[in-house]
């Protein structure tokens, strides 16, 4: 696009405004943990998958979904659980 000298301040202002918005979005993305590295509780993984906590506990006991143990608590990686579910569906 071409701008006249009179339009330049407005165009530059719009560009800076867009850059500020992009910067805000990048900061938000930077502060988010990657789904593959974040471990979820039984309640959180159940909500993500749209199933009950009891179903998650059952699948954990049957060892049909991967999990880690932290004391009495079970933790799950959403990506690993989704991979596991997709693999078992293919069989």
N, C-alpha and C. Protein backbone atom coordinates (compact mmCIF):
# COMPACT_ATOMS: atom_id res chain seq x y z
N UNK A 1 0.84 -1.19 0.00
CA UNK A 1 0.00 0.00 0.00
C UNK A 1 0.88 1.24 0.00
N UNK A 2 0.38 2.23 -0.63
CA UNK A 2 1.09 3.50 -0.64
C UNK A 2 0.29 4.51 0.17
N UNK A 3 1.00 5.32 0.92
CA UNK A 3 0.37 6.34 1.75
C UNK A 3 0.94 7.70 1.40
N UNK A 4 0.10 8.70 1.54
CA UNK A 4 0.58 10.07 1.38
C UNK A 4 1.27 10.48 2.66
N UNK A 5 1.99 11.58 2.62
CA UNK A 5 2.69 12.07 3.81
C UNK A 5 1.70 12.38 4.94
N UNK A 6 0.51 12.81 4.58
CA UNK A 6 -0.50 13.12 5.60
C UNK A 6 -1.03 11.85 6.26
N UNK A 7 -1.06 10.75 5.52
CA UNK A 7 -1.58 9.49 6.04
C UNK A 7 -0.54 8.68 6.83
N UNK A 8 0.73 9.03 6.67
CA UNK A 8 1.81 8.27 7.31
C UNK A 8 1.67 8.14 8.83
N UNK A 9 1.42 9.21 9.57
CA UNK A 9 1.31 9.05 11.03
C UNK A 9 0.21 8.06 11.43
N UNK A 10 -0.91 8.11 10.73
CA UNK A 10 -2.01 7.18 11.02
C UNK A 10 -1.60 5.74 10.69
N UNK A 11 -0.95 5.56 9.54
CA UNK A 11 -0.51 4.22 9.13
C UNK A 11 0.52 3.67 10.12
N UNK A 12 1.45 4.49 10.53
CA UNK A 12 2.47 4.05 11.49
C UNK A 12 1.81 3.71 12.82
N UNK A 13 0.85 4.50 13.24
CA UNK A 13 0.12 4.21 14.48
C UNK A 13 -0.61 2.88 14.41
N UNK A 14 -1.20 2.58 13.26
CA UNK A 14 -1.90 1.31 13.09
C UNK A 14 -0.91 0.14 13.14
N UNK A 15 0.24 0.31 12.54
CA UNK A 15 1.25 -0.74 12.54
C UNK A 15 1.72 -1.01 13.97
N UNK A 16 2.00 0.05 14.73
CA UNK A 16 2.43 -0.13 16.11
C UNK A 16 1.35 -0.78 16.96
N UNK A 17 0.11 -0.43 16.71
CA UNK A 17 -1.00 -1.03 17.44
C UNK A 17 -1.07 -2.54 17.18
N UNK A 18 -0.92 -2.92 15.91
CA UNK A 18 -0.91 -4.34 15.55
C UNK A 18 0.27 -5.06 16.18
N UNK A 19 1.43 -4.42 16.20
CA UNK A 19 2.62 -5.03 16.81
C UNK A 19 2.41 -5.25 18.30
N UNK A 20 1.77 -4.31 18.98
CA UNK A 20 1.49 -4.49 20.41
C UNK A 20 0.57 -5.69 20.64
N UNK A 21 -0.42 -5.86 19.79
CA UNK A 21 -1.34 -7.00 19.90
C UNK A 21 -0.59 -8.32 19.68
N UNK A 22 0.27 -8.36 18.69
CA UNK A 22 1.06 -9.55 18.41
C UNK A 22 1.97 -9.86 19.60
N UNK A 23 2.58 -8.83 20.16
CA UNK A 23 3.45 -9.01 21.31
C UNK A 23 2.69 -9.61 22.49
N UNK A 24 1.47 -9.10 22.74
CA UNK A 24 0.64 -9.63 23.83
C UNK A 24 0.34 -11.11 23.60
N UNK A 25 -0.05 -11.46 22.38
CA UNK A 25 -0.36 -12.85 22.07
C UNK A 25 0.87 -13.75 22.22
N UNK A 26 2.02 -13.28 21.80
CA UNK A 26 3.25 -14.06 21.95
C UNK A 26 3.59 -14.28 23.42
N UNK A 27 3.39 -13.26 24.25
CA UNK A 27 3.65 -13.41 25.69
C UNK A 27 2.72 -14.46 26.29
N UNK A 28 1.45 -14.44 25.89
CA UNK A 28 0.50 -15.43 26.39
C UNK A 28 0.92 -16.84 25.99
N UNK A 29 1.31 -17.00 24.74
CA UNK A 29 1.75 -18.30 24.26
C UNK A 29 3.02 -18.76 24.96
N UNK A 30 3.93 -17.83 25.19
CA UNK A 30 5.19 -18.16 25.85
C UNK A 30 4.95 -18.63 27.28
N UNK A 31 3.96 -18.07 27.95
CA UNK A 31 3.68 -18.40 29.34
C UNK A 31 2.89 -19.69 29.50
N UNK A 32 2.31 -20.19 28.42
CA UNK A 32 1.56 -21.44 28.50
C UNK A 32 2.52 -22.61 28.43
N UNK A 33 2.22 -23.63 29.21
CA UNK A 33 3.03 -24.85 29.14
C UNK A 33 2.55 -25.65 27.95
N UNK A 34 3.47 -26.35 27.35
CA UNK A 34 3.10 -27.21 26.24
C UNK A 34 2.26 -28.36 26.76
N UNK A 35 1.20 -28.73 26.02
CA UNK A 35 0.36 -29.82 26.49
C UNK A 35 1.13 -31.12 26.70
N UNK A 36 2.16 -31.34 25.92
CA UNK A 36 2.90 -32.60 26.03
C UNK A 36 3.71 -32.68 27.32
N UNK A 37 4.06 -31.54 27.91
CA UNK A 37 4.89 -31.56 29.10
C UNK A 37 4.07 -31.41 30.38
N UNK A 38 2.87 -30.93 30.27
CA UNK A 38 2.05 -30.69 31.46
C UNK A 38 1.35 -31.98 31.88
N UNK A 39 1.44 -32.29 33.16
CA UNK A 39 0.77 -33.47 33.69
C UNK A 39 -0.54 -33.07 34.33
N UNK A 40 -1.58 -33.84 34.05
CA UNK A 40 -2.92 -33.53 34.52
C UNK A 40 -3.34 -34.50 35.62
N UNK A 41 -4.19 -34.01 36.52
CA UNK A 41 -4.75 -34.86 37.56
C UNK A 41 -5.85 -35.73 36.96
N UNK A 42 -6.35 -36.65 37.76
CA UNK A 42 -7.45 -37.52 37.30
C UNK A 42 -8.65 -36.68 36.89
N UNK A 43 -8.97 -35.68 37.70
CA UNK A 43 -10.11 -34.81 37.40
C UNK A 43 -9.89 -34.04 36.10
N UNK A 44 -8.69 -33.51 35.90
CA UNK A 44 -8.39 -32.72 34.70
C UNK A 44 -8.41 -33.58 33.44
N UNK A 45 -7.81 -34.77 33.50
CA UNK A 45 -7.77 -35.63 32.31
C UNK A 45 -9.17 -36.11 31.96
N UNK A 46 -9.99 -36.37 32.98
CA UNK A 46 -11.37 -36.78 32.74
C UNK A 46 -12.14 -35.67 32.02
N UNK A 47 -11.94 -34.45 32.47
CA UNK A 47 -12.62 -33.31 31.83
C UNK A 47 -12.15 -33.14 30.39
N UNK A 48 -10.85 -33.27 30.15
CA UNK A 48 -10.31 -33.14 28.79
C UNK A 48 -10.86 -34.19 27.84
N UNK A 49 -11.04 -35.40 28.37
CA UNK A 49 -11.51 -36.51 27.53
C UNK A 49 -13.04 -36.62 27.49
N UNK A 50 -13.70 -35.91 28.39
CA UNK A 50 -15.16 -35.97 28.43
C UNK A 50 -15.70 -37.27 29.00
N UNK A 51 -14.96 -37.84 29.94
CA UNK A 51 -15.40 -39.07 30.61
C UNK A 51 -15.38 -38.82 32.12
N UNK A 52 -15.92 -39.77 32.87
CA UNK A 52 -15.95 -39.61 34.32
C UNK A 52 -14.59 -39.92 34.94
N UNK A 53 -14.40 -39.43 36.14
CA UNK A 53 -13.17 -39.73 36.88
C UNK A 53 -13.09 -41.23 37.15
N UNK A 54 -14.25 -41.85 37.37
CA UNK A 54 -14.28 -43.30 37.61
C UNK A 54 -13.76 -44.07 36.41
N UNK A 55 -14.11 -43.61 35.21
CA UNK A 55 -13.64 -44.27 33.99
C UNK A 55 -12.11 -44.15 33.89
N UNK A 56 -11.59 -42.98 34.24
CA UNK A 56 -10.14 -42.78 34.22
C UNK A 56 -9.47 -43.71 35.23
N UNK A 57 -10.04 -43.81 36.42
CA UNK A 57 -9.49 -44.70 37.45
C UNK A 57 -9.51 -46.16 36.98
N UNK A 58 -10.61 -46.53 36.32
CA UNK A 58 -10.75 -47.89 35.80
C UNK A 58 -9.68 -48.17 34.74
N UNK A 59 -9.50 -47.23 33.81
CA UNK A 59 -8.51 -47.38 32.75
C UNK A 59 -7.09 -47.40 33.32
N UNK A 60 -6.87 -46.65 34.39
CA UNK A 60 -5.57 -46.64 35.05
C UNK A 60 -5.30 -48.00 35.69
N UNK A 61 -6.29 -48.52 36.40
CA UNK A 61 -6.14 -49.82 37.07
C UNK A 61 -5.90 -50.94 36.05
N UNK A 62 -6.56 -50.83 34.89
CA UNK A 62 -6.39 -51.83 33.84
C UNK A 62 -5.11 -51.60 33.02
N UNK A 63 -4.45 -50.50 33.31
CA UNK A 63 -3.22 -50.10 32.60
C UNK A 63 -3.46 -49.91 31.11
N UNK A 64 -4.64 -49.40 30.76
CA UNK A 64 -4.94 -49.12 29.36
C UNK A 64 -4.54 -47.70 28.97
N UNK A 65 -4.24 -46.86 29.95
CA UNK A 65 -3.74 -45.51 29.65
C UNK A 65 -2.46 -45.29 30.45
N UNK A 66 -1.49 -44.61 29.84
CA UNK A 66 -0.23 -44.34 30.54
C UNK A 66 -0.43 -43.32 31.66
N UNK A 67 0.29 -43.51 32.74
CA UNK A 67 0.19 -42.60 33.88
C UNK A 67 1.47 -42.64 34.68
N UNK A 68 1.60 -41.63 35.53
CA UNK A 68 2.72 -41.59 36.47
C UNK A 68 2.09 -41.48 37.86
N UNK A 69 2.85 -41.93 38.84
CA UNK A 69 2.34 -41.87 40.20
C UNK A 69 3.19 -40.88 41.00
N UNK A 70 2.51 -40.05 41.76
CA UNK A 70 3.17 -39.09 42.66
C UNK A 70 2.54 -39.30 44.03
N UNK A 71 3.12 -40.18 44.81
CA UNK A 71 2.51 -40.54 46.09
C UNK A 71 1.23 -41.31 45.82
N UNK A 72 0.14 -40.83 46.38
CA UNK A 72 -1.16 -41.48 46.17
C UNK A 72 -1.87 -40.93 44.93
N UNK A 73 -1.28 -39.94 44.30
CA UNK A 73 -1.90 -39.25 43.16
C UNK A 73 -1.43 -39.83 41.84
N UNK A 74 -2.34 -39.89 40.87
CA UNK A 74 -1.99 -40.32 39.52
C UNK A 74 -1.96 -39.09 38.62
N UNK A 75 -0.97 -39.03 37.75
CA UNK A 75 -0.82 -37.91 36.82
C UNK A 75 -0.76 -38.45 35.39
N UNK A 76 -1.29 -37.64 34.47
CA UNK A 76 -1.42 -38.08 33.07
C UNK A 76 -0.95 -37.00 32.12
N UNK A 77 -0.31 -37.42 31.04
CA UNK A 77 0.04 -36.52 29.94
C UNK A 77 -1.08 -36.66 28.91
N UNK A 78 -1.72 -35.56 28.57
CA UNK A 78 -2.84 -35.61 27.62
C UNK A 78 -2.39 -36.22 26.29
N UNK A 79 -1.24 -35.80 25.79
CA UNK A 79 -0.77 -36.33 24.50
C UNK A 79 -0.54 -37.83 24.56
N UNK A 80 0.08 -38.31 25.64
CA UNK A 80 0.35 -39.74 25.78
C UNK A 80 -0.95 -40.54 25.90
N UNK A 81 -1.91 -40.01 26.65
CA UNK A 81 -3.19 -40.71 26.80
C UNK A 81 -3.92 -40.76 25.46
N UNK A 82 -3.92 -39.64 24.74
CA UNK A 82 -4.59 -39.62 23.43
C UNK A 82 -3.93 -40.60 22.46
N UNK A 83 -2.61 -40.66 22.46
CA UNK A 83 -1.91 -41.62 21.60
C UNK A 83 -2.30 -43.04 21.97
N UNK A 84 -2.34 -43.31 23.26
CA UNK A 84 -2.68 -44.64 23.75
C UNK A 84 -4.09 -45.05 23.34
N UNK A 85 -5.02 -44.12 23.46
CA UNK A 85 -6.41 -44.40 23.10
C UNK A 85 -6.52 -44.64 21.60
N UNK A 86 -5.84 -43.85 20.79
CA UNK A 86 -5.88 -44.02 19.35
C UNK A 86 -5.27 -45.34 18.92
N UNK A 87 -4.19 -45.76 19.55
CA UNK A 87 -3.56 -47.04 19.23
C UNK A 87 -4.50 -48.19 19.57
N UNK A 88 -5.13 -48.13 20.74
CA UNK A 88 -6.02 -49.23 21.14
C UNK A 88 -7.28 -49.28 20.27
N UNK A 89 -7.71 -48.16 19.73
CA UNK A 89 -8.88 -48.15 18.84
C UNK A 89 -8.58 -48.83 17.51
N UNK A 90 -7.31 -48.73 17.08
CA UNK A 90 -6.92 -49.32 15.78
C UNK A 90 -6.84 -50.83 15.83
N UNK A 91 -6.65 -51.38 17.01
CA UNK A 91 -6.47 -52.84 17.12
C UNK A 91 -7.76 -53.58 16.88
